[in-house]
Protein backbone atom coordinates (compact mmCIF):
# COMPACT_ATOMS: atom_id res chain seq x y z
CA UNK A 1 113.79 90.35 45.98
CA UNK A 2 113.02 88.64 43.03
CA UNK A 3 109.14 88.03 44.20
CA UNK A 4 109.03 92.15 44.49
CA UNK A 5 110.77 93.03 41.14
CA UNK A 6 108.38 90.27 39.81
CA UNK A 7 105.52 92.12 41.07
CA UNK A 8 105.97 95.08 39.97
CA UNK A 9 106.43 93.77 36.61
CA UNK A 10 103.49 92.36 36.40
CA UNK A 11 101.70 95.30 37.68
CA UNK A 12 103.51 97.53 34.70
CA UNK A 13 102.24 94.87 32.18
CA UNK A 14 98.90 95.08 33.03
CA UNK A 15 98.83 98.87 33.07
CA UNK A 16 100.18 98.90 29.58
CA UNK A 17 97.75 96.39 28.51
CA UNK A 18 95.21 98.53 29.63
CA UNK A 19 96.60 101.68 28.07
CA UNK A 20 96.53 99.67 24.75
CA UNK A 21 93.12 99.11 25.18
CA UNK A 22 92.05 102.64 25.83
CA UNK A 23 93.85 103.32 22.61
CA UNK A 24 92.26 100.68 20.58
CA UNK A 25 88.48 101.75 21.45
CA UNK A 26 89.66 105.93 20.70
CA UNK A 27 91.30 104.99 17.32
CA UNK A 28 88.00 102.23 16.98
CA UNK A 29 85.54 105.22 17.41
CA UNK A 30 87.66 107.85 15.38
CA UNK A 31 87.26 105.13 12.51
CA UNK A 32 83.24 104.58 13.49
CA UNK A 33 83.11 108.59 13.37
CA UNK A 34 84.96 108.96 10.07
CA UNK A 35 82.26 106.00 8.67
CA UNK A 36 79.06 108.26 9.88
CA UNK A 37 80.68 111.41 8.30
CA UNK A 38 81.61 109.56 5.27
CA UNK A 39 77.88 108.08 4.84
CA UNK A 40 76.55 111.78 5.47
CA UNK A 41 78.76 113.05 2.73
CA UNK A 42 77.52 110.53 0.37
CA UNK A 43 74.27 111.08 1.13
CA UNK A 44 74.05 114.85 0.78
CA UNK A 45 76.23 114.18 -2.37
CA UNK A 46 73.57 111.66 -3.81
CA UNK A 47 70.97 114.35 -3.14
CA UNK A 48 72.44 117.15 -4.28
CA UNK A 49 72.91 115.24 -7.64
CA UNK A 50 69.76 114.02 -7.51
CA UNK A 51 68.11 118.04 -7.15
CA UNK A 52 69.93 118.89 -10.62
C-alpha cells in the first residue's frame, strides 16, 4: 500500500511541476509581448516627435 501511495504522490508532484512550467512559459510570453509593445510605442512616439 505504501508504494502505491508514494507512486501517486510522485505522479502528482510531476503533474504540478509540469503545470508550473506552463505558467512560467505563459508569463514569459506576456512579458515578451509587453516589451515588444513598449518598444513599438517608443518608436512611434519618437517618429511623432521628430516630425513636428
